[in-house]
C-alpha atoms as a PDB file:
ATOM      1  CA  UNK A   1      11.211  -5.932   6.776  1.00  0.00           C
ATOM      2  CA  UNK A   2       8.344  -4.902   8.997  1.00  0.00           C
ATOM      3  CA  UNK A   3       5.757  -2.283   7.992  1.00  0.00           C
ATOM      4  CA  UNK A   4       2.269  -1.416   9.224  1.00  0.00           C
ATOM      5  CA  UNK A   5      -0.642  -1.908   6.817  1.00  0.00           C
ATOM      6  CA  UNK A   6      -4.079  -0.672   7.870  1.00  0.00           C
ATOM      7  CA  UNK A   7      -3.001  -0.831  11.511  1.00  0.00           C
ATOM      8  CA  UNK A   8      -1.522  -4.357  11.387  1.00  0.00           C
ATOM      9  CA  UNK A   9       2.160  -5.281  11.433  1.00  0.00           C
ATOM     10  CA  UNK A  10       3.193  -7.047   8.235  1.00  0.00           C
ATOM     11  CA  UNK A  11       6.434  -8.591   7.012  1.00  0.00           C
ATOM     12  CA  UNK A  12       7.259  -7.782   3.393  1.00  0.00           C
ATOM     13  CA  UNK A  13      10.350  -8.673   1.359  1.00  0.00           C
ATOM     14  CA  UNK A  14      13.237  -6.215   1.188  1.00  0.00           C
ATOM     15  CA  UNK A  15      12.920  -4.110  -1.957  1.00  0.00           C
ATOM     16  CA  UNK A  16       9.125  -4.392  -2.132  1.00  0.00           C
ATOM     17  CA  UNK A  17       7.291  -1.363  -3.455  1.00  0.00           C
ATOM     18  CA  UNK A  18       3.701  -0.151  -3.189  1.00  0.00           C
ATOM     19  CA  UNK A  19       2.727  -2.013  -6.383  1.00  0.00           C
ATOM     20  CA  UNK A  20       3.914  -5.289  -4.854  1.00  0.00           C
ATOM     21  CA  UNK A  21       1.948  -4.570  -1.685  1.00  0.00           C
ATOM     22  CA  UNK A  22      -1.211  -3.826  -3.679  1.00  0.00           C
ATOM     23  CA  UNK A  23      -0.740  -7.123  -5.559  1.00  0.00           C
ATOM     24  CA  UNK A  24      -0.125  -8.975  -2.283  1.00  0.00           C
ATOM     25  CA  UNK A  25      -3.575  -7.886  -1.107  1.00  0.00           C
ATOM     26  CA  UNK A  26      -5.115  -8.842  -4.496  1.00  0.00           C
ATOM     27  CA  UNK A  27      -6.307  -5.270  -5.061  1.00  0.00           C
ATOM     28  CA  UNK A  28      -6.851  -3.531  -8.378  1.00  0.00           C
ATOM     29  CA  UNK A  29      -4.500  -0.525  -8.579  1.00  0.00           C
ATOM     30  CA  UNK A  30      -7.107   1.768 -10.151  1.00  0.00           C
ATOM     31  CA  UNK A  31      -9.618   0.945  -7.384  1.00  0.00           C
ATOM     32  CA  UNK A  32      -7.436   1.661  -4.379  1.00  0.00           C
ATOM     33  CA  UNK A  33      -6.243   4.793  -2.598  1.00  0.00           C
ATOM     34  CA  UNK A  34      -2.825   4.520  -0.969  1.00  0.00           C
ATOM     35  CA  UNK A  35      -1.452   6.576   1.878  1.00  0.00           C
ATOM     36  CA  UNK A  36       2.201   6.189   2.825  1.00  0.00           C
ATOM     37  CA  UNK A  37       3.278   7.726   6.127  1.00  0.00           C
ATOM     38  CA  UNK A  38       0.185   9.976   6.146  1.00  0.00           C
ATOM     39  CA  UNK A  39       0.726  11.226   2.591  1.00  0.00           C
ATOM     40  CA  UNK A  40      -1.510  10.332  -0.345  1.00  0.00           C
ATOM     41  CA  UNK A  41       0.363   8.529  -3.123  1.00  0.00           C
ATOM     42  CA  UNK A  42      -0.739   8.882  -6.739  1.00  0.00           C
ATOM     43  CA  UNK A  43      -0.935   5.789  -8.955  1.00  0.00           C
ATOM     44  CA  UNK A  44       2.063   6.988 -10.995  1.00  0.00           C
ATOM     45  CA  UNK A  45       4.145   6.679  -7.812  1.00  0.00           C
ATOM     46  CA  UNK A  46       3.176   3.109  -6.837  1.00  0.00           C
ATOM     47  CA  UNK A  47       6.751   2.103  -7.691  1.00  0.00           C
ATOM     48  CA  UNK A  48       7.847   3.895  -4.479  1.00  0.00           C
ATOM     49  CA  UNK A  49       9.972   1.454  -2.461  1.00  0.00           C
ATOM     50  CA  UNK A  50       8.850   0.536   1.044  1.00  0.00           C
ATOM     51  CA  UNK A  51      11.159   1.010   4.013  1.00  0.00           C
ATOM     52  CA  UNK A  52      11.352  -0.547   7.456  1.00  0.00           C
ATOM     53  CA  UNK A  53       8.725   1.030   9.727  1.00  0.00           C
ATOM     54  CA  UNK A  54       6.591   2.573   6.970  1.00  0.00           C
ATOM     55  CA  UNK A  55       2.896   3.006   7.703  1.00  0.00           C
ATOM     56  CA  UNK A  56       0.572   2.262   4.772  1.00  0.00           C
ATOM     57  CA  UNK A  57      -3.182   2.671   4.533  1.00  0.00           C
ATOM     58  CA  UNK A  58      -4.981   0.918   1.676  1.00  0.00           C
ATOM     59  CA  UNK A  59      -8.543   2.024   1.004  1.00  0.00           C
ATOM     60  CA  UNK A  60     -10.635   0.341  -1.684  1.00  0.00           C
ATOM     61  CA  UNK A  61     -13.454   1.949  -3.613  1.00  0.00           C
ATOM     62  CA  UNK A  62     -16.758   0.109  -3.433  1.00  0.00           C
ATOM     63  CA  UNK A  63     -19.687   0.870  -5.690  1.00  0.00           C
ATOM     64  CA  UNK A  64     -23.279   0.173  -4.956  1.00  0.00           C
ATOM     65  CA  UNK A  65     -26.643   1.688  -4.569  1.00  0.00           C
END
């Protein structure tokens, strides 16, 4: 199925959820903010299934000084 991730079209397997998408991008779940269709998703809801046409924004936290 086709979704949009950070502005780019992406094919993901049917039945994929946000956790699978985070893993696909090799991100650490506790260091990422996820927005699904312009709504912030809490970590406890990363098992939310993705649907055709969803728009996801993944933002990583970077430390430094």
